[in-house]
Protein backbone atom coordinates (compact mmCIF):
# COMPACT_ATOMS: atom_id res chain seq x y z
CA MET A 1 78.57 -17.77 95.61
CA PRO A 2 81.43 -16.80 93.29
CA LEU A 3 82.86 -13.30 93.29
CA LEU A 4 81.02 -10.84 91.07
CA SER A 5 83.06 -8.75 88.64
CA VAL A 6 82.72 -4.97 88.46
CA ILE A 7 83.68 -3.94 84.93
CA ILE A 8 83.63 -0.73 82.92
CA PRO A 9 80.32 -0.84 81.01
CA PRO A 10 79.91 -0.04 77.29
CA MET A 11 79.46 3.70 76.69
CA GLY A 12 78.84 3.80 72.93
CA GLU A 13 80.66 2.70 69.81
CA SER A 14 82.89 5.78 69.74
CA ILE A 15 84.14 5.37 73.34
CA SER A 16 86.81 2.73 74.02
CA SER A 17 88.35 3.97 77.27
CA GLY A 18 88.12 6.51 80.04
CA VAL A 19 89.59 7.56 83.35
CA LEU A 20 88.29 6.13 86.61
CA ALA A 21 88.21 9.58 88.19
CA LYS A 22 86.81 8.75 91.63
CA TRP A 23 85.79 5.86 93.84
CA HIS A 24 82.66 6.49 95.92
CA VAL A 25 83.55 3.54 98.20
CA LYS A 26 86.66 2.27 99.97
CA ASP A 27 88.36 -1.08 99.64
CA GLY A 28 86.62 -3.59 101.91
CA ASP A 29 83.38 -1.62 102.24
CA PHE A 30 80.04 -3.38 102.25
CA VAL A 31 78.04 -2.06 99.27
CA LYS A 32 74.34 -2.27 98.52
CA LYS A 33 72.74 -3.21 95.24
CA ASP A 34 72.56 -0.23 92.82
CA GLN A 35 74.85 1.85 95.07
CA PRO A 36 77.11 4.23 93.08
CA LEU A 37 80.65 2.81 93.06
CA PHE A 38 82.79 4.97 90.82
CA GLU A 39 82.85 7.95 88.48
CA LEU A 40 84.13 7.41 84.96
CA GLU A 41 85.30 10.29 82.76
CA THR A 42 85.45 9.79 79.00
CA ASP A 43 86.12 12.21 76.18
CA LYS A 44 82.38 12.79 75.79
CA ILE A 45 80.55 12.23 79.08
CA THR A 46 81.02 11.54 82.77
CA SER A 47 79.00 8.64 84.17
CA GLU A 48 78.66 6.53 87.30
CA GLY A 49 79.07 2.79 87.76
CA THR A 50 76.76 1.03 90.22
CA ALA A 51 76.82 -2.24 92.14
CA GLU A 52 74.86 -5.11 90.60
CA SER A 53 74.74 -6.93 93.93
CA ALA A 54 75.28 -6.33 97.64
CA GLY A 55 78.45 -7.57 99.29
CA LYS A 56 82.01 -6.72 100.25
CA ILE A 57 83.93 -4.87 97.54
CA THR A 58 87.61 -5.27 96.70
CA LEU A 59 89.08 -2.53 94.54
CA LYS A 60 91.44 -3.57 91.75
CA VAL A 61 92.20 -0.20 90.16
CA ALA A 62 93.25 3.06 91.79
CA ALA A 63 91.43 6.33 91.18
CA GLY A 64 92.96 8.31 88.33
CA THR A 65 93.78 5.22 86.26
CA GLU A 66 92.92 5.04 82.56
CA VAL A 67 90.72 1.98 81.98
CA LYS A 68 89.28 0.28 78.92
CA ILE A 69 85.68 -0.66 78.28
CA GLY A 70 85.11 -4.12 79.75
CA GLU A 71 88.10 -3.92 82.12
CA LEU A 72 87.77 -5.42 85.61
CA VAL A 73 88.07 -2.68 88.25
CA ALA A 74 86.70 -4.42 91.36
CA THR A 75 85.06 -7.57 92.70
CA ILE A 76 82.12 -8.00 95.06
CA ASP A 77 81.80 -10.92 97.45
CA PRO A 78 78.03 -11.44 97.86
CA ASP A 79 78.59 -13.98 100.68
CA VAL A 80 79.74 -11.22 103.04
CA SER A 81 76.63 -9.67 104.55
CA SER A 82 76.36 -6.25 106.14
CA GLN A 83 75.83 -7.94 109.53
CA LYS A 84 79.17 -9.75 109.23
CA SER A 85 80.92 -6.54 108.27
CA GLU A 86 79.36 -4.62 111.13
CA SER A 87 79.99 -7.33 113.72
CA SER A 88 83.64 -7.88 112.83
CA PRO A 89 85.78 -7.52 115.97
CA LYS A 90 87.70 -4.31 116.15
CA PRO A 91 91.08 -4.03 117.87
CA VAL A 92 90.93 -2.48 121.33
CA SER A 93 93.58 0.07 122.10
CA SER A 94 94.06 2.58 124.85
CA ALA A 95 95.22 5.15 122.31
CA PRO A 96 94.51 5.53 118.60
CA THR A 97 97.23 4.14 116.37
CA PRO A 98 97.85 6.31 113.36
CA ASP A 99 98.20 4.79 109.94
CA LEU A 100 101.85 5.51 109.31
CA ARG A 101 101.67 5.13 105.58
CA PRO A 102 104.58 6.31 103.44
CA LEU A 103 104.40 9.71 101.84
CA THR A 104 102.71 9.77 98.45
CA SER A 105 102.38 12.26 95.63
CA SER A 106 99.01 13.37 97.01
CA GLU A 107 100.77 15.48 99.64
CA SER A 108 101.81 18.95 98.58
CA PRO A 109 105.55 19.75 98.38
CA ALA A 110 105.22 21.95 101.48
CA VAL A 111 103.64 19.11 103.48
CA ARG A 112 106.32 16.61 102.40
CA ARG A 113 109.07 19.08 103.29
CA LEU A 114 107.62 19.68 106.76
CA ALA A 115 107.24 15.93 107.30
CA GLU A 116 110.97 15.51 106.70
CA GLU A 117 111.86 18.46 108.92
CA THR A 118 109.59 17.63 111.88
CA GLY A 119 109.33 13.84 111.64
CA VAL A 120 105.51 14.13 111.73
CA ASN A 121 103.75 11.69 109.39
CA PRO A 122 100.83 13.38 107.54
CA ALA A 123 98.76 10.21 108.06
CA ALA A 124 98.72 10.97 111.79
CA VAL A 125 97.52 14.56 111.30
CA ALA A 126 93.86 15.60 111.09
CA GLY A 127 93.50 17.42 107.78
CA THR A 128 91.47 20.62 107.50
CA GLY A 129 91.87 21.06 103.75
CA LYS A 130 89.50 20.10 100.94
CA ALA A 131 88.34 16.45 101.18
CA GLY A 132 90.30 16.13 104.44
CA ARG A 133 93.70 16.77 102.88
CA VAL A 134 96.51 17.76 105.23
CA THR A 135 97.64 21.35 104.75
CA LYS A 136 100.91 23.06 105.60
CA GLY A 137 99.14 24.74 108.54
CA ASP A 138 98.06 21.35 109.89
CA MET A 139 101.65 20.09 109.73
CA LEU A 140 103.03 23.19 111.42
CA ALA A 141 100.52 22.88 114.24
CA ALA A 142 101.30 19.18 114.67
CA GLY A 143 105.06 19.76 114.58
CA VAL A 144 104.90 22.58 117.15
CA GLY A 145 102.64 20.62 119.50
CA SER A 146 104.75 17.45 119.45
CA SER A 147 108.03 19.29 119.93
CA LEU A 148 106.77 21.26 122.91
CA ALA A 149 104.95 18.34 124.53
CA GLY A 150 107.65 15.74 124.07
CA ALA A 151 110.76 17.75 124.98
CA PRO A 152 111.91 18.10 128.61
CA ALA A 153 111.86 21.58 130.09
CA PRO A 154 115.33 23.11 129.71
CA ALA A 155 117.19 24.40 132.74
CA VAL A 156 117.17 28.17 133.03
CA PRO A 157 120.74 29.41 132.59
CA ALA A 158 122.16 32.00 134.96
CA THR A 159 122.76 34.43 132.16
CA PRO A 160 121.31 37.80 131.32
CA GLN A 161 117.87 37.80 129.70
CA ALA A 162 119.33 38.96 126.43
CA ALA A 163 121.43 35.79 126.23
CA LEU A 164 118.45 33.44 126.41
CA PRO A 165 117.84 31.54 123.19
CA ASN A 166 114.81 32.51 121.10
CA PRO A 167 112.33 29.60 121.43
CA GLN A 168 110.84 30.47 118.06
CA SER A 169 114.12 29.74 116.34
CA ALA A 170 113.60 26.01 116.91
CA LEU A 171 110.31 25.99 115.07
CA PRO A 172 110.10 25.09 111.35
CA THR A 173 110.43 28.08 109.07
CA PRO A 174 107.13 28.62 107.24
CA GLN A 175 107.52 28.11 103.53
CA SER A 176 105.88 30.33 100.92
CA PRO A 177 102.97 28.66 99.14
CA ALA A 178 103.56 27.05 95.76
CA ARG A 179 103.18 29.58 92.96
CA GLN A 180 102.06 26.97 90.47
CA THR A 181 100.26 23.65 90.49
CA ARG A 182 99.97 21.12 87.71
CA ARG A 183 97.17 18.67 86.97
CA LYS A 184 96.30 16.51 84.00
CA MET A 185 93.46 17.54 81.74
CA SER A 186 90.44 15.26 82.00
CA PRO A 187 89.46 13.33 78.85
CA LEU A 188 86.31 15.45 78.60
CA ARG A 189 88.28 18.72 78.78
CA GLN A 190 90.77 17.39 76.19
CA LYS A 191 87.92 16.53 73.84
CA ILE A 192 86.28 19.92 74.33
CA ALA A 193 89.57 21.61 73.49
CA GLN A 194 90.03 19.49 70.37
CA ARG A 195 86.50 20.15 69.13
CA LEU A 196 86.73 23.91 69.68
CA VAL A 197 90.03 24.16 67.82
CA ALA A 198 88.76 21.92 65.03
CA ALA A 199 85.61 24.03 64.63
CA GLN A 200 87.69 27.18 64.16
CA HIS A 201 90.07 25.50 61.71
CA GLU A 202 87.47 23.68 59.61
CA ALA A 203 84.65 26.22 59.37
CA ALA A 204 84.62 29.68 57.81
CA MET A 205 83.18 31.08 61.02
CA LEU A 206 81.65 34.53 61.18
CA THR A 207 79.52 36.24 63.83
CA THR A 208 76.71 38.74 63.38
CA PHE A 209 75.09 40.71 66.20
CA ASN A 210 71.79 42.30 67.10
CA GLU A 211 70.04 43.48 70.24
CA VAL A 212 66.61 42.62 71.56
CA ASP A 213 64.23 44.48 73.83
CA MET A 214 63.14 42.00 76.52
CA SER A 215 60.24 44.11 77.78
CA ALA A 216 57.46 42.04 76.18
CA VAL A 217 58.79 38.68 77.36
CA MET A 218 59.46 40.00 80.86
CA ALA A 219 55.95 41.41 81.04
CA LEU A 220 54.46 38.07 79.94
CA ARG A 221 56.45 36.18 82.54
CA ALA A 222 55.43 38.58 85.29
CA LYS A 223 51.76 38.37 84.31
CA TYR A 224 51.46 34.60 83.95
CA GLN A 225 54.26 33.22 86.13
CA ASP A 226 52.03 32.28 89.08
CA ASP A 227 49.45 30.55 86.86
CA PHE A 228 52.21 28.77 84.95
CA VAL A 229 53.78 27.46 88.16
CA LYS A 230 50.41 26.32 89.55
CA LYS A 231 49.60 24.39 86.39
CA ASN A 232 53.02 22.95 85.56
CA GLY A 233 54.94 22.89 88.82
CA LEU A 234 57.91 24.76 87.36
CA LYS A 235 58.85 28.32 86.51
CA LEU A 236 58.61 29.92 83.09
CA GLY A 237 62.12 30.95 82.05
CA PHE A 238 63.58 32.87 79.14
CA MET A 239 65.10 29.84 77.43
CA SER A 240 61.75 28.42 76.34
CA PHE A 241 60.93 31.71 74.57
CA PHE A 242 64.26 31.64 72.74
CA ALA A 243 63.87 27.96 71.85
CA LYS A 244 60.50 28.72 70.26
CA ALA A 245 61.92 31.81 68.56
CA VAL A 246 64.79 29.74 67.12
CA VAL A 247 62.41 27.09 65.78
CA HIS A 248 60.35 29.87 64.20
CA ALA A 249 63.48 31.39 62.61
CA LEU A 250 64.76 28.00 61.39
CA LYS A 251 61.48 27.46 59.55
CA GLU A 252 61.75 30.90 57.98
CA VAL A 253 65.44 30.46 57.06
CA PRO A 254 65.94 26.70 56.48
CA GLY A 255 69.49 27.23 55.25
CA ILE A 256 70.55 27.57 58.89
CA ASN A 257 69.06 24.13 59.63
CA ALA A 258 71.60 22.34 57.49
CA GLN A 259 75.15 21.03 57.68
CA ILE A 260 78.05 20.14 55.40
CA ASP A 261 79.15 16.53 54.91
CA GLY A 262 82.11 16.43 52.56
CA THR A 263 80.83 17.88 49.30
CA GLU A 264 77.18 17.41 50.20
CA ILE A 265 74.69 19.55 52.11
CA ILE A 266 72.41 17.76 54.56
CA GLN A 267 69.13 19.60 55.05
CA ASN A 268 67.45 18.83 58.38
CA HIS A 269 63.67 18.79 58.65
CA TYR A 270 63.45 18.41 62.41
CA TYR A 271 64.11 20.76 65.32
CA ASP A 272 66.21 19.14 68.03
CA LEU A 273 67.99 22.00 69.77
CA GLY A 274 71.16 21.75 71.86
CA VAL A 275 71.30 23.81 75.06
CA ALA A 276 74.80 24.45 76.43
CA VAL A 277 75.14 23.53 80.13
CA SER A 278 78.13 24.41 82.30
CA THR A 279 79.24 21.60 84.63
CA GLU A 280 82.21 21.00 86.93
CA LYS A 281 83.69 18.74 84.24
CA GLY A 282 83.26 21.24 81.40
CA LEU A 283 80.68 22.43 78.89
CA MET A 284 78.09 19.91 77.68
CA VAL A 285 75.36 20.38 75.09
CA PRO A 286 72.42 18.04 75.77
CA VAL A 287 69.74 18.02 73.09
CA ILE A 288 66.03 18.86 73.53
CA ARG A 289 64.12 16.73 71.05
CA GLY A 290 61.21 18.00 68.95
CA CYS A 291 61.12 21.60 70.13
CA ASP A 292 58.61 22.37 67.37
CA THR A 293 56.08 20.03 68.99
CA LEU A 294 56.73 20.89 72.64
CA GLY A 295 54.90 23.62 74.50
CA MET A 296 56.65 26.13 76.73
CA ALA A 297 56.19 23.90 79.78
CA GLY A 298 57.55 20.89 77.90
CA ILE A 299 60.67 22.77 76.87
CA GLU A 300 61.26 24.11 80.39
CA GLN A 301 60.81 20.62 81.83
CA ALA A 302 63.17 19.06 79.28
CA ILE A 303 65.85 21.71 79.81
CA GLY A 304 65.69 21.36 83.58
CA ASP A 305 65.90 17.57 83.33
CA VAL A 306 68.94 17.36 81.03
CA ALA A 307 70.73 20.20 82.83
CA LYS A 308 70.37 18.41 86.18
CA ARG A 309 71.54 15.09 84.76
CA ALA A 310 74.52 16.78 83.10
CA ARG A 311 75.60 18.41 86.36
CA ASP A 312 75.01 15.18 88.30
CA GLY A 313 77.13 13.18 85.87
CA LYS A 314 74.17 11.09 84.72
CA ILE A 315 73.96 12.32 81.14
CA THR A 316 74.19 9.68 78.40
CA LEU A 317 75.88 9.78 75.02
CA ALA A 318 72.46 9.65 73.33
CA ASP A 319 71.48 12.86 75.14
CA LEU A 320 74.32 14.72 73.40
CA GLU A 321 73.81 13.56 69.83
CA GLY A 322 71.65 14.71 66.94
CA GLY A 323 71.19 18.42 67.60
CA VAL A 324 70.68 20.73 64.61
CA PHE A 325 71.31 24.08 66.34
CA THR A 326 72.70 25.21 69.69
CA ILE A 327 71.75 27.96 72.14
CA THR A 328 74.29 29.08 74.72
CA ASN A 329 73.53 31.59 77.48
CA GLY A 330 76.60 33.38 78.76
CA GLY A 331 74.30 35.97 80.29
CA THR A 332 73.76 33.74 83.31
CA PHE A 333 77.39 34.49 84.23
CA GLY A 334 77.14 38.21 83.43
CA SER A 335 78.56 38.17 79.88
CA MET A 336 77.63 41.30 77.94
CA LEU A 337 78.86 40.16 74.52
CA SER A 338 80.73 37.20 73.03
CA THR A 339 81.35 35.29 69.80
CA PRO A 340 80.26 31.68 70.46
CA ILE A 341 82.00 28.83 68.64
CA ILE A 342 79.94 26.55 66.40
CA ASN A 343 79.09 23.11 67.77
CA ALA A 344 80.19 21.03 64.77
CA PRO A 345 78.74 19.66 62.54
CA GLN A 346 75.98 22.23 63.07
CA SER A 347 76.14 25.35 60.93
CA ALA A 348 75.24 27.99 63.54
CA ILE A 349 74.96 28.79 67.24
CA LEU A 350 73.04 31.53 69.06
CA GLY A 351 74.66 33.29 72.00
CA LEU A 352 72.48 34.98 74.62
CA HIS A 353 73.86 37.57 77.01
CA ALA A 354 73.05 39.55 80.14
CA ILE A 355 69.92 41.70 80.28
CA ASN A 356 70.80 45.28 81.20
CA ASP A 357 68.75 48.45 81.35
CA ARG A 358 69.99 50.76 78.59
CA PRO A 359 68.75 53.98 76.98
CA VAL A 360 67.23 53.29 73.55
CA ALA A 361 65.26 55.34 71.05
CA VAL A 362 61.57 54.37 70.78
CA ASN A 363 59.29 56.43 68.55
CA GLY A 364 61.73 59.31 68.64
CA GLN A 365 62.03 59.28 72.43
CA VAL A 366 64.90 58.07 74.59
CA VAL A 367 63.60 55.47 77.05
CA ILE A 368 65.17 52.93 79.38
CA ARG A 369 64.55 49.32 78.34
CA PRO A 370 65.88 45.89 79.41
CA MET A 371 68.15 45.04 76.48
CA MET A 372 70.07 41.91 75.53
CA TYR A 373 72.74 41.49 72.89
CA LEU A 374 72.36 38.48 70.58
CA ALA A 375 75.26 36.88 68.69
CA LEU A 376 74.88 34.39 65.85
CA SER A 377 78.07 32.57 64.81
CA TYR A 378 77.67 30.68 61.55
CA ASP A 379 79.62 28.71 58.97
CA HIS A 380 80.01 31.04 56.02
CA ARG A 381 80.76 28.09 53.73
CA LEU A 382 77.10 27.16 53.96
CA VAL A 383 75.26 30.20 55.28
CA ASP A 384 75.29 33.54 53.49
CA GLY A 385 75.34 36.81 55.37
CA LYS A 386 71.80 37.63 54.24
CA GLU A 387 70.49 34.37 55.70
CA ALA A 388 72.33 34.88 58.98
CA VAL A 389 71.09 38.45 59.44
CA THR A 390 67.53 37.46 58.47
CA PHE A 391 67.58 34.60 60.95
CA LEU A 392 68.72 36.87 63.77
CA VAL A 393 66.09 39.48 62.89
CA LYS A 394 63.38 36.77 63.00
CA VAL A 395 64.54 35.77 66.50
CA LYS A 396 64.52 39.42 67.58
CA GLN A 397 61.03 40.00 66.21
CA ALA A 398 59.65 36.87 67.91
CA ILE A 399 61.06 37.91 71.30
CA GLU A 400 59.97 41.54 71.05
CA ASP A 401 56.49 40.51 69.85
CA PRO A 402 55.77 36.99 71.17
CA ALA A 403 52.37 36.94 69.47
CA ARG A 404 54.29 36.18 66.26
CA LEU A 405 55.08 32.74 67.69
CA LEU A 406 51.36 31.97 67.99
CA LEU A 407 50.57 33.34 64.55
CA ALA A 408 53.73 31.91 62.90
CA ILE A 409 54.52 35.19 61.16
C-alpha cells in the first residue's frame, strides 16, 4: 500500500495556519488508528490530530514549527505491522551506548556551559527535570562521578597536610541560575492579547458593581444536593443559578442582549451564554446554547462538558462562536473584586467573585452572611447606566430569592 499522508486538517474559514506545538509520538513509532499524533495551536483553539490508519510513522516537521492548513507533517506506512516493529532485531551490547547527539538549543545555558567544561554530553545523562530534561544538577553529578572514577589515584606527597591540594578545587564551579528565560507567545495567547487590547480601545467600557447574599442559593444546594446528584449524576453548582439569573435579567433588560455592528444595532432574541474557562493554553469562552430552554441539570452538564473539552484541547471553533453574553468566575481563584473585559462583539460581561462571610445589615441588625461581589462591565456606547444597574439588580434579586426564577418576576 502507498504511504498515507498526515496533513493539518481544516479548522474553520478564519484559520489558515497554526503551530505544531507537540508530537505525541516519535519518529519511527508504530501508531494505531485514531491514536492522537500531534497537538496544534492556532490563534483560536488548540486541537489534536489523529492517525487515520495504523502503521509506522515518519515525522516530516519538528515540534514548534508553524504549519499551514493542508501541509504535510508526517507519513504513515500501513504495510509495517506492529508485529514487525516489535520483532525487529535490536543490537546487543555489553554496555549501553549513549546517543551522543550534538548540543541543541533545548539545553539550558548552564547545561551547555557544564558540557563544555566537563566534556560530559547531556545525551548520556539521565535527566531529572520536567519531561526528562537534563538539569545543571544532573550535569554536575555526572561530571563529578566521571572525573573521580576515571582518574588514577594520585600519589600522596611527602608534604605537610596544609600543602595538600584541595580536591574540591578541581570540580566545576556551580553557576547561579538564569535570572530570566524567554519563550515565544503561543498563537492562542497572542490572539487573546490582541482581543483584550482591541476591546478596551474600541468599546466605551464601564463597570458597575453590586453585592449579593448567597444564603438562599447555598441553602437550596444543601437541601437538594443529594437528590439532585441521585437523579442527574452530577452536582448542583452555583454557575447554573447565575446562568438562569442572567437569562432572566436579559429578558427584563433586552438592551444588554444586543451588539453594535458598524452603525447598526443587532438585537439578539436567543440566550447562548459564554462561560469563561481557564486552561493551560489561556482563557477560552465556550458557549452554552439555549440556556433559556435548559434546566439546571442541563446547564451543569453542558458547562462540565465544554470545560473538560477546553482543558483537554478538544474544543472546536464552533463551540466558541455565537455567544450573546459572558460569565466569568474569578472567585474560583480567590478574587474578591475585578473589572472583567468585554468579550467582543458582546456588549457586557458579568464577573463573579469569591464568597466570603461579611457583616451586613439585615432588618436593622448586623448579621454575618456569605456575600459575593458582582461586577458588570458593559459597552457604554450601547448600554446606558440605568440599563446596566437594572440588569445587575435583577441578577441580585434572582440569586437572593430564587423563587423569582420560577415565577419569572
